Amino acid sequence: FADGRKAFSCSADTTIKIWDLELDGDGNVQGGRLVHTLEGHTDLVDRCCVFDKDSKLISASWDRTLRVWDLESGKEMYSLQDDNKARGVAVWESRVTKRWKAVSTGSGCTLSIWDLHGAEGKLLKRLELASFTTRFHDLFTLRAFIAVPTSISFVTNAIIVGTEVSQVQRNFSMAFM
């Protein structure tokens, strides 16, 4: 959370816990109070991300769903169905439309782009990452095989995806508009 006074935890017990933190004068955590336990997933919750001025949270679960939660009430707003176990999620606000978007990684070597606007959200695009071939100005062809994505983050105009290959973390990035 932006103010450093709240925290969340994702868990194999299928829940997400939201905490108010007690800080000392130096900003060190001295304790905390459980505010909400978010329940609704049916399998491990792998990653979460807060957005919209820390008022909402999106969770990615192995139950093949992403869920959007209202952090004031602790209630689920809606669920997004994925084709694969959701392994990671990142959120950003479009500079053009001012709408919140999310990108999630899936166990099937996919990236899914979601529109989080409105009462239910929707899938915008799914990218298959298992393999791809790209020609560079007819000079050479790049062919790559990508392992299952395990983490994801969003930076200006790029998505950073981490994959695990033989227990060595590999990263690649792709342009995103």
N, C-alpha and C. Protein backbone atom coordinates (compact mmCIF):
# COMPACT_ATOMS: atom_id res chain seq x y z
N PHE A 1 0.83 -1.18 0.00
CA PHE A 1 0.00 0.00 0.00
C PHE A 1 0.88 1.24 0.00
N ALA A 2 0.42 2.27 -0.64
CA ALA A 2 1.24 3.47 -0.83
C ALA A 2 1.64 4.15 0.47
N ASP A 3 0.78 4.15 1.48
CA ASP A 3 1.10 4.87 2.72
C ASP A 3 1.98 4.09 3.67
N GLY A 4 2.24 2.81 3.38
CA GLY A 4 3.08 1.99 4.24
C GLY A 4 2.44 1.57 5.54
N ARG A 5 1.17 1.85 5.71
CA ARG A 5 0.47 1.53 6.96
C ARG A 5 -0.46 0.35 6.85
N LYS A 6 -0.50 -0.27 5.68
CA LYS A 6 -1.30 -1.47 5.47
C LYS A 6 -0.43 -2.49 4.75
N ALA A 7 -0.84 -3.75 4.87
CA ALA A 7 -0.14 -4.84 4.17
C ALA A 7 -1.18 -5.90 3.82
N PHE A 8 -0.84 -6.74 2.85
CA PHE A 8 -1.69 -7.88 2.54
C PHE A 8 -0.82 -9.12 2.43
N SER A 9 -1.44 -10.27 2.63
CA SER A 9 -0.74 -11.54 2.44
C SER A 9 -1.64 -12.47 1.64
N CYS A 10 -1.02 -13.18 0.69
CA CYS A 10 -1.71 -14.19 -0.12
C CYS A 10 -1.29 -15.55 0.42
N SER A 11 -2.17 -16.54 0.31
CA SER A 11 -1.87 -17.78 1.01
C SER A 11 -2.34 -19.04 0.29
N ALA A 12 -1.68 -20.15 0.60
CA ALA A 12 -2.08 -21.46 0.11
C ALA A 12 -3.40 -21.90 0.74
N ASP A 13 -3.82 -21.25 1.83
CA ASP A 13 -5.10 -21.62 2.46
C ASP A 13 -6.29 -20.98 1.75
N THR A 14 -6.05 -20.38 0.58
CA THR A 14 -7.05 -19.78 -0.33
C THR A 14 -7.52 -18.40 0.10
N THR A 15 -6.94 -17.80 1.12
CA THR A 15 -7.40 -16.50 1.60
C THR A 15 -6.36 -15.41 1.33
N ILE A 16 -6.82 -14.17 1.44
CA ILE A 16 -5.98 -12.98 1.43
C ILE A 16 -6.29 -12.24 2.72
N LYS A 17 -5.26 -11.84 3.43
CA LYS A 17 -5.47 -11.11 4.69
C LYS A 17 -4.97 -9.67 4.51
N ILE A 18 -5.77 -8.73 5.00
CA ILE A 18 -5.44 -7.30 4.96
C ILE A 18 -5.17 -6.86 6.40
N TRP A 19 -4.03 -6.19 6.58
CA TRP A 19 -3.57 -5.80 7.91
C TRP A 19 -3.39 -4.28 8.00
N ASP A 20 -3.77 -3.69 9.14
CA ASP A 20 -3.36 -2.34 9.52
C ASP A 20 -2.09 -2.50 10.33
N LEU A 21 -1.04 -1.75 9.98
CA LEU A 21 0.25 -1.88 10.66
C LEU A 21 0.43 -0.78 11.69
N GLU A 22 1.07 -1.12 12.80
CA GLU A 22 1.47 -0.15 13.81
C GLU A 22 2.95 0.14 13.59
N LEU A 23 3.27 1.43 13.37
CA LEU A 23 4.65 1.83 13.08
C LEU A 23 5.20 2.68 14.21
N ASP A 24 6.51 2.54 14.47
CA ASP A 24 7.14 3.44 15.43
C ASP A 24 7.55 4.73 14.71
N GLY A 25 8.20 5.65 15.40
CA GLY A 25 8.59 6.93 14.84
C GLY A 25 9.54 6.84 13.66
N ASP A 26 10.28 5.72 13.55
CA ASP A 26 11.21 5.52 12.43
C ASP A 26 10.57 4.77 11.26
N GLY A 27 9.28 4.44 11.39
CA GLY A 27 8.59 3.73 10.32
C GLY A 27 8.75 2.21 10.38
N ASN A 28 9.29 1.69 11.47
CA ASN A 28 9.45 0.24 11.62
C ASN A 28 8.15 -0.38 12.13
N VAL A 29 7.81 -1.53 11.62
CA VAL A 29 6.59 -2.22 12.03
C VAL A 29 6.74 -2.73 13.46
N GLN A 30 5.81 -2.37 14.33
CA GLN A 30 5.81 -2.80 15.73
C GLN A 30 4.72 -3.82 16.01
N GLY A 31 3.75 -3.88 15.14
CA GLY A 31 2.62 -4.79 15.33
C GLY A 31 1.60 -4.54 14.23
N GLY A 32 0.48 -5.21 14.36
CA GLY A 32 -0.56 -5.03 13.36
C GLY A 32 -1.88 -5.60 13.82
N ARG A 33 -2.92 -5.23 13.09
CA ARG A 33 -4.27 -5.69 13.39
C ARG A 33 -4.90 -6.20 12.11
N LEU A 34 -5.46 -7.41 12.17
CA LEU A 34 -6.15 -7.98 11.01
C LEU A 34 -7.43 -7.20 10.76
N VAL A 35 -7.58 -6.67 9.52
CA VAL A 35 -8.75 -5.88 9.15
C VAL A 35 -9.78 -6.73 8.42
N HIS A 36 -9.31 -7.50 7.42
CA HIS A 36 -10.20 -8.34 6.62
C HIS A 36 -9.51 -9.65 6.27
N THR A 37 -10.28 -10.71 6.19
CA THR A 37 -9.86 -11.96 5.57
C THR A 37 -10.75 -12.12 4.34
N LEU A 38 -10.14 -12.05 3.16
CA LEU A 38 -10.89 -12.14 1.90
C LEU A 38 -10.99 -13.60 1.51
N GLU A 39 -12.22 -14.10 1.39
CA GLU A 39 -12.46 -15.50 1.07
C GLU A 39 -13.29 -15.62 -0.20
N GLY A 40 -12.98 -16.61 -1.01
CA GLY A 40 -13.71 -16.85 -2.25
C GLY A 40 -12.95 -17.76 -3.20
N HIS A 41 -11.62 -17.71 -3.15
CA HIS A 41 -10.82 -18.61 -3.99
C HIS A 41 -10.94 -20.04 -3.47
N THR A 42 -10.74 -21.01 -4.36
CA THR A 42 -10.82 -22.41 -3.97
C THR A 42 -9.48 -23.14 -4.08
N ASP A 43 -8.42 -22.40 -4.41
CA ASP A 43 -7.07 -22.97 -4.47
C ASP A 43 -6.09 -21.86 -4.07
N LEU A 44 -4.83 -22.18 -4.02
CA LEU A 44 -3.76 -21.28 -3.61
C LEU A 44 -3.89 -19.90 -4.27
N VAL A 45 -3.74 -18.84 -3.49
CA VAL A 45 -3.70 -17.47 -4.00
C VAL A 45 -2.23 -17.13 -4.19
N ASP A 46 -1.81 -16.98 -5.46
CA ASP A 46 -0.40 -16.84 -5.79
C ASP A 46 0.10 -15.41 -5.68
N ARG A 47 -0.65 -14.44 -6.19
CA ARG A 47 -0.21 -13.04 -6.19
C ARG A 47 -1.41 -12.12 -6.02
N CYS A 48 -1.13 -10.91 -5.51
CA CYS A 48 -2.14 -9.86 -5.36
C CYS A 48 -1.52 -8.52 -5.71
N CYS A 49 -2.38 -7.57 -6.04
CA CYS A 49 -1.93 -6.23 -6.38
C CYS A 49 -3.03 -5.24 -5.99
N VAL A 50 -2.66 -4.15 -5.30
CA VAL A 50 -3.64 -3.11 -4.97
C VAL A 50 -3.63 -2.05 -6.07
N PHE A 51 -4.78 -1.40 -6.25
CA PHE A 51 -4.89 -0.37 -7.29
C PHE A 51 -6.02 0.59 -6.94
N ASP A 52 -6.22 1.58 -7.79
CA ASP A 52 -7.27 2.58 -7.64
C ASP A 52 -7.18 3.27 -6.28
N LYS A 53 -6.03 3.93 -6.06
CA LYS A 53 -5.76 4.66 -4.81
C LYS A 53 -5.90 3.76 -3.59
N ASP A 54 -5.41 2.53 -3.72
CA ASP A 54 -5.42 1.53 -2.64
C ASP A 54 -6.83 1.15 -2.18
N SER A 55 -7.84 1.36 -3.02
CA SER A 55 -9.21 1.03 -2.62
C SER A 55 -9.64 -0.36 -3.09
N LYS A 56 -8.88 -0.94 -4.02
CA LYS A 56 -9.22 -2.26 -4.57
C LYS A 56 -7.99 -3.15 -4.60
N LEU A 57 -8.23 -4.44 -4.64
CA LEU A 57 -7.16 -5.44 -4.74
C LEU A 57 -7.60 -6.47 -5.76
N ILE A 58 -6.65 -6.92 -6.59
CA ILE A 58 -6.92 -8.02 -7.51
C ILE A 58 -6.03 -9.18 -7.10
N SER A 59 -6.60 -10.38 -7.07
CA SER A 59 -5.87 -11.57 -6.65
C SER A 59 -5.83 -12.57 -7.80
N ALA A 60 -4.71 -13.29 -7.90
CA ALA A 60 -4.51 -14.32 -8.93
C ALA A 60 -4.37 -15.66 -8.23
N SER A 61 -5.19 -16.63 -8.65
CA SER A 61 -5.22 -17.91 -7.94
C SER A 61 -5.07 -19.10 -8.88
N TRP A 62 -4.61 -20.19 -8.30
CA TRP A 62 -4.50 -21.45 -9.04
C TRP A 62 -5.88 -22.04 -9.33
N ASP A 63 -6.96 -21.46 -8.80
CA ASP A 63 -8.31 -21.94 -9.11
C ASP A 63 -8.79 -21.43 -10.47
N ARG A 64 -7.88 -20.80 -11.23
CA ARG A 64 -8.14 -20.30 -12.57
C ARG A 64 -9.00 -19.04 -12.58
N THR A 65 -8.93 -18.28 -11.49
CA THR A 65 -9.67 -17.02 -11.45
C THR A 65 -8.77 -15.88 -10.97
N LEU A 66 -9.18 -14.69 -11.38
CA LEU A 66 -8.70 -13.43 -10.81
C LEU A 66 -9.93 -12.84 -10.14
N ARG A 67 -9.76 -12.33 -8.93
CA ARG A 67 -10.90 -11.73 -8.23
C ARG A 67 -10.56 -10.30 -7.86
N VAL A 68 -11.53 -9.42 -8.01
CA VAL A 68 -11.37 -8.01 -7.66
C VAL A 68 -12.17 -7.77 -6.38
N TRP A 69 -11.49 -7.15 -5.39
CA TRP A 69 -12.05 -6.96 -4.06
C TRP A 69 -12.13 -5.48 -3.72
N ASP A 70 -13.19 -5.09 -3.02
CA ASP A 70 -13.32 -3.76 -2.45
C ASP A 70 -12.67 -3.80 -1.07
N LEU A 71 -11.65 -2.99 -0.86
CA LEU A 71 -10.90 -3.07 0.41
C LEU A 71 -11.58 -2.34 1.57
N GLU A 72 -12.52 -1.47 1.27
CA GLU A 72 -13.27 -0.82 2.35
C GLU A 72 -14.18 -1.83 3.05
N SER A 73 -14.92 -2.59 2.24
CA SER A 73 -15.88 -3.55 2.80
C SER A 73 -15.30 -4.95 2.98
N GLY A 74 -14.22 -5.26 2.25
CA GLY A 74 -13.67 -6.61 2.28
C GLY A 74 -14.46 -7.60 1.44
N LYS A 75 -15.33 -7.10 0.58
CA LYS A 75 -16.20 -7.95 -0.25
C LYS A 75 -15.65 -8.09 -1.66
N GLU A 76 -15.91 -9.26 -2.25
CA GLU A 76 -15.56 -9.50 -3.65
C GLU A 76 -16.49 -8.69 -4.54
N MET A 77 -15.90 -7.98 -5.52
CA MET A 77 -16.70 -7.21 -6.46
C MET A 77 -17.09 -8.08 -7.66
N TYR A 78 -16.12 -8.81 -8.21
CA TYR A 78 -16.37 -9.73 -9.31
C TYR A 78 -15.19 -10.66 -9.50
N SER A 79 -15.43 -11.70 -10.31
CA SER A 79 -14.41 -12.71 -10.60
C SER A 79 -14.21 -12.79 -12.10
N LEU A 80 -12.96 -12.97 -12.52
CA LEU A 80 -12.61 -13.13 -13.93
C LEU A 80 -12.10 -14.55 -14.14
N GLN A 81 -12.70 -15.27 -15.06
CA GLN A 81 -12.33 -16.67 -15.31
C GLN A 81 -11.18 -16.74 -16.31
N ASP A 82 -10.12 -17.47 -15.94
CA ASP A 82 -8.97 -17.66 -16.82
C ASP A 82 -8.95 -19.12 -17.28
N ASP A 83 -8.21 -19.40 -18.36
CA ASP A 83 -8.10 -20.77 -18.85
C ASP A 83 -7.02 -21.56 -18.11
N ASN A 84 -6.17 -20.87 -17.38
CA ASN A 84 -5.03 -21.49 -16.72
C ASN A 84 -4.95 -21.04 -15.27
N LYS A 85 -4.11 -21.74 -14.50
CA LYS A 85 -3.83 -21.28 -13.14
C LYS A 85 -3.20 -19.90 -13.24
N ALA A 86 -3.77 -18.92 -12.54
CA ALA A 86 -3.22 -17.56 -12.56
C ALA A 86 -2.01 -17.52 -11.65
N ARG A 87 -0.84 -17.17 -12.21
CA ARG A 87 0.42 -17.21 -11.47
C ARG A 87 0.94 -15.84 -11.06
N GLY A 88 0.45 -14.78 -11.69
CA GLY A 88 0.90 -13.44 -11.35
C GLY A 88 -0.05 -12.41 -11.92
N VAL A 89 0.00 -11.20 -11.37
CA VAL A 89 -0.88 -10.14 -11.86
C VAL A 89 -0.23 -8.78 -11.60
N ALA A 90 -0.41 -7.86 -12.54
CA ALA A 90 0.03 -6.47 -12.39
C ALA A 90 -1.07 -5.58 -12.95
N VAL A 91 -1.19 -4.37 -12.41
CA VAL A 91 -2.28 -3.46 -12.76
C VAL A 91 -1.72 -2.08 -13.11
N TRP A 92 -2.37 -1.40 -14.05
CA TRP A 92 -2.01 -0.03 -14.38
C TRP A 92 -3.25 0.71 -14.87
N GLU A 93 -3.18 2.05 -14.81
CA GLU A 93 -4.26 2.88 -15.31
C GLU A 93 -3.85 3.40 -16.69
N SER A 94 -4.69 3.16 -17.69
CA SER A 94 -4.42 3.61 -19.05
C SER A 94 -4.37 5.13 -19.07
N ARG A 95 -3.32 5.67 -19.67
CA ARG A 95 -3.20 7.13 -19.79
C ARG A 95 -4.23 7.69 -20.77
N VAL A 96 -4.66 6.88 -21.72
CA VAL A 96 -5.60 7.33 -22.74
C VAL A 96 -7.04 7.26 -22.23
N THR A 97 -7.46 6.09 -21.74
CA THR A 97 -8.86 5.90 -21.36
C THR A 97 -9.13 6.17 -19.88
N LYS A 98 -8.07 6.27 -19.06
CA LYS A 98 -8.20 6.43 -17.61
C LYS A 98 -8.93 5.25 -16.97
N ARG A 99 -8.86 4.08 -17.63
CA ARG A 99 -9.47 2.86 -17.11
C ARG A 99 -8.36 1.95 -16.57
N TRP A 100 -8.69 1.21 -15.52
CA TRP A 100 -7.73 0.27 -14.95
C TRP A 100 -7.68 -0.99 -15.79
N LYS A 101 -6.46 -1.46 -16.05
CA LYS A 101 -6.22 -2.68 -16.82
C LYS A 101 -5.33 -3.59 -15.97
N ALA A 102 -5.39 -4.86 -16.24
CA ALA A 102 -4.53 -5.83 -15.55
C ALA A 102 -3.94 -6.77 -16.59
N VAL A 103 -2.78 -7.28 -16.29
CA VAL A 103 -2.18 -8.34 -17.09
C VAL A 103 -1.87 -9.47 -16.12
N SER A 104 -2.23 -10.69 -16.50
CA SER A 104 -1.97 -11.84 -15.65
C SER A 104 -1.19 -12.89 -16.42
N THR A 105 -0.38 -13.64 -15.68
CA THR A 105 0.34 -14.77 -16.26
C THR A 105 -0.43 -16.02 -15.93
N GLY A 106 -0.32 -17.01 -16.82
CA GLY A 106 -1.00 -18.26 -16.59
C GLY A 106 -0.08 -19.46 -16.73
N SER A 107 -0.48 -20.56 -16.12
CA SER A 107 0.34 -21.78 -16.14
C SER A 107 0.46 -22.36 -17.54
N GLY A 108 -0.38 -21.93 -18.47
CA GLY A 108 -0.33 -22.43 -19.84
C GLY A 108 0.52 -21.57 -20.75
N CYS A 109 1.52 -20.89 -20.21
CA CYS A 109 2.40 -20.00 -20.99
C CYS A 109 1.61 -18.90 -21.69
N THR A 110 0.78 -18.20 -20.93
CA THR A 110 -0.05 -17.14 -21.50
C THR A 110 0.09 -15.85 -20.71
N LEU A 111 -0.21 -14.76 -21.39
CA LEU A 111 -0.45 -13.47 -20.75
C LEU A 111 -1.87 -13.08 -21.12
N SER A 112 -2.67 -12.69 -20.15
CA SER A 112 -4.03 -12.25 -20.41
C SER A 112 -4.15 -10.78 -20.02
N ILE A 113 -4.74 -9.98 -20.90
CA ILE A 113 -4.94 -8.55 -20.66
C ILE A 113 -6.42 -8.35 -20.32
N TRP A 114 -6.69 -7.69 -19.20
CA TRP A 114 -8.05 -7.53 -18.70
C TRP A 114 -8.39 -6.05 -18.56
N ASP A 115 -9.66 -5.70 -18.83
CA ASP A 115 -10.19 -4.38 -18.54
C ASP A 115 -10.93 -4.50 -17.21
N LEU A 116 -10.54 -3.73 -16.21
CA LEU A 116 -11.15 -3.83 -14.88
C LEU A 116 -12.25 -2.80 -14.67
N HIS A 117 -12.65 -2.09 -15.72
CA HIS A 117 -13.67 -1.05 -15.63
C HIS A 117 -15.05 -1.68 -15.46
N GLY A 118 -15.88 -1.04 -14.69
CA GLY A 118 -17.27 -1.46 -14.57
C GLY A 118 -17.49 -2.48 -13.47
N ALA A 119 -18.66 -3.09 -13.53
CA ALA A 119 -19.09 -3.99 -12.47
C ALA A 119 -18.62 -5.42 -12.65
N GLU A 120 -18.02 -5.75 -13.80
CA GLU A 120 -17.62 -7.15 -13.98
C GLU A 120 -16.29 -7.36 -14.68
N GLY A 121 -15.70 -6.37 -15.30
CA GLY A 121 -14.43 -6.56 -15.99
C GLY A 121 -14.58 -7.49 -17.18
N LYS A 122 -13.53 -7.52 -18.04
CA LYS A 122 -13.60 -8.43 -19.19
C LYS A 122 -12.20 -8.69 -19.75
N LEU A 123 -12.07 -9.83 -20.40
CA LEU A 123 -10.83 -10.20 -21.07
C LEU A 123 -10.71 -9.40 -22.36
N LEU A 124 -9.57 -8.73 -22.56
CA LEU A 124 -9.33 -7.98 -23.79
C LEU A 124 -8.52 -8.79 -24.79
N LYS A 125 -7.50 -9.51 -24.30
CA LYS A 125 -6.63 -10.24 -25.22
C LYS A 125 -5.86 -11.29 -24.44
N ARG A 126 -5.60 -12.42 -25.09
CA ARG A 126 -4.76 -13.46 -24.52
C ARG A 126 -3.60 -13.71 -25.47
N LEU A 127 -2.39 -13.66 -24.94
CA LEU A 127 -1.18 -13.88 -25.73
C LEU A 127 -0.58 -15.23 -25.35
N GLU A 128 -0.37 -16.09 -26.34
CA GLU A 128 0.28 -17.38 -26.11
C GLU A 128 1.78 -17.16 -26.19
N LEU A 129 2.51 -17.59 -25.16
CA LEU A 129 3.94 -17.35 -25.09
C LEU A 129 4.78 -18.61 -25.23
N ALA A 130 4.17 -19.75 -25.47
CA ALA A 130 4.92 -21.01 -25.48
C ALA A 130 6.06 -20.97 -26.49
N SER A 131 5.81 -20.42 -27.64
CA SER A 131 6.88 -20.24 -28.62
C SER A 131 6.47 -19.13 -29.57
N PHE A 132 7.46 -18.48 -30.16
CA PHE A 132 7.15 -17.47 -31.14
C PHE A 132 8.31 -17.34 -32.12
N THR A 133 7.99 -16.84 -33.28
CA THR A 133 9.00 -16.59 -34.31
C THR A 133 8.84 -15.15 -34.76
N THR A 134 9.92 -14.40 -34.84
CA THR A 134 9.87 -13.00 -35.25
C THR A 134 10.93 -12.73 -36.30
N ARG A 135 10.55 -12.03 -37.37
CA ARG A 135 11.51 -11.62 -38.40
C ARG A 135 11.92 -10.19 -38.13
N PHE A 136 13.21 -9.91 -38.21
CA PHE A 136 13.72 -8.57 -38.03
C PHE A 136 14.18 -8.02 -39.37
N HIS A 137 13.33 -7.23 -40.01
CA HIS A 137 13.67 -6.55 -41.27
C HIS A 137 14.30 -7.50 -42.29
N ASP A 138 13.81 -8.73 -42.33
CA ASP A 138 14.31 -9.76 -43.25
C ASP A 138 15.81 -10.05 -43.10
N LEU A 139 16.40 -9.64 -41.99
CA LEU A 139 17.82 -9.91 -41.77
C LEU A 139 18.04 -11.24 -41.08
N PHE A 140 17.22 -11.53 -40.08
CA PHE A 140 17.33 -12.82 -39.40
C PHE A 140 16.02 -13.12 -38.71
N THR A 141 15.85 -14.36 -38.32
CA THR A 141 14.64 -14.80 -37.63
C THR A 141 15.01 -15.23 -36.22
N LEU A 142 14.27 -14.74 -35.25
CA LEU A 142 14.45 -15.14 -33.86
C LEU A 142 13.36 -16.14 -33.52
N ARG A 143 13.75 -17.30 -33.04
CA ARG A 143 12.79 -18.29 -32.59
C ARG A 143 13.09 -18.56 -31.12
N ALA A 144 12.08 -18.49 -30.29
CA ALA A 144 12.31 -18.66 -28.86
C ALA A 144 11.21 -19.54 -28.27
N PHE A 145 11.57 -20.26 -27.24
CA PHE A 145 10.63 -21.04 -26.45
C PHE A 145 10.69 -20.51 -25.03
N ILE A 146 9.56 -20.24 -24.45
CA ILE A 146 9.50 -19.60 -23.15
C ILE A 146 8.87 -20.55 -22.14
N ALA A 147 9.45 -20.63 -20.98
CA ALA A 147 8.91 -21.47 -19.91
C ALA A 147 7.68 -20.82 -19.30
N VAL A 148 7.04 -21.53 -18.40
CA VAL A 148 5.84 -21.02 -17.73
C VAL A 148 6.16 -19.75 -16.97
N PRO A 149 5.41 -18.67 -17.21
CA PRO A 149 5.65 -17.42 -16.48
C PRO A 149 5.32 -17.59 -14.99
N THR A 150 6.17 -17.06 -14.13
CA THR A 150 5.95 -17.17 -12.69
C THR A 150 5.76 -15.83 -11.99
N SER A 151 6.11 -14.74 -12.63
CA SER A 151 5.90 -13.42 -12.02
C SER A 151 5.73 -12.39 -13.12
N ILE A 152 5.16 -11.26 -12.75
CA ILE A 152 4.91 -10.23 -13.74
C ILE A 152 4.92 -8.87 -13.06
N SER A 153 5.40 -7.86 -13.76
CA SER A 153 5.32 -6.49 -13.26
C SER A 153 5.16 -5.57 -14.46
N PHE A 154 4.71 -4.36 -14.21
CA PHE A 154 4.45 -3.40 -15.27
C PHE A 154 5.27 -2.16 -15.01
N VAL A 155 6.02 -1.74 -16.00
CA VAL A 155 6.73 -0.47 -15.95
C VAL A 155 6.32 0.30 -17.20
N THR A 156 6.63 1.55 -17.29
CA THR A 156 6.18 2.38 -18.39
C THR A 156 6.39 1.70 -19.73
N ASN A 157 5.30 1.43 -20.43
CA ASN A 157 5.29 0.86 -21.78
C ASN A 157 5.96 -0.50 -21.91
N ALA A 158 6.11 -1.25 -20.84
CA ALA A 158 6.68 -2.60 -20.94
C ALA A 158 6.12 -3.49 -19.85
N ILE A 159 6.00 -4.75 -20.18
CA ILE A 159 5.61 -5.77 -19.23
C ILE A 159 6.85 -6.60 -18.98
N ILE A 160 7.21 -6.82 -17.72
CA ILE A 160 8.35 -7.65 -17.37
C ILE A 160 7.80 -8.97 -16.85
N VAL A 161 8.18 -10.06 -17.49
CA VAL A 161 7.70 -11.37 -17.10
C VAL A 161 8.89 -12.20 -16.65
N GLY A 162 8.79 -12.79 -15.48
CA GLY A 162 9.83 -13.68 -14.99
C GLY A 162 9.42 -15.12 -15.21
N THR A 163 10.34 -15.95 -15.64
CA THR A 163 10.07 -17.37 -15.82
C THR A 163 11.11 -18.17 -15.06
N GLU A 164 10.76 -19.36 -14.69
CA GLU A 164 11.69 -20.21 -13.98
C GLU A 164 12.09 -21.36 -14.90
N VAL A 165 13.38 -21.43 -15.23
CA VAL A 165 13.91 -22.48 -16.09
C VAL A 165 15.03 -23.17 -15.33
N SER A 166 14.87 -24.45 -15.04
CA SER A 166 15.88 -25.20 -14.28
C SER A 166 16.28 -24.45 -13.01
N GLN A 167 15.30 -23.89 -12.34
CA GLN A 167 15.46 -23.17 -11.08
C GLN A 167 16.36 -21.95 -11.19
N VAL A 168 16.53 -21.43 -12.39
CA VAL A 168 17.26 -20.19 -12.60
C VAL A 168 16.24 -19.18 -13.11
N GLN A 169 16.15 -18.03 -12.48
CA GLN A 169 15.17 -17.03 -12.88
C GLN A 169 15.61 -16.33 -14.16
N ARG A 170 14.74 -16.29 -15.15
CA ARG A 170 15.02 -15.63 -16.41
C ARG A 170 13.97 -14.53 -16.61
N ASN A 171 14.37 -13.43 -17.16
CA ASN A 171 13.43 -12.34 -17.42
C ASN A 171 13.47 -11.95 -18.89
N PHE A 172 12.36 -11.55 -19.42
CA PHE A 172 12.31 -10.94 -20.73
C PHE A 172 11.24 -9.87 -20.69
N SER A 173 11.30 -8.94 -21.59
CA SER A 173 10.27 -7.90 -21.61
C SER A 173 9.70 -7.80 -23.01
N MET A 174 8.49 -7.28 -23.07
CA MET A 174 7.85 -7.09 -24.37
C MET A 174 7.20 -5.71 -24.37
N ALA A 175 7.23 -5.08 -25.51
CA ALA A 175 6.62 -3.75 -25.63
C ALA A 175 5.12 -3.88 -25.46
N PHE A 176 4.53 -2.90 -24.82
CA PHE A 176 3.09 -2.90 -24.61
C PHE A 176 2.56 -1.50 -24.77
N MET A 177 1.44 -1.35 -25.45
CA MET A 177 0.89 -0.02 -25.68
C MET A 177 -0.37 0.19 -24.87
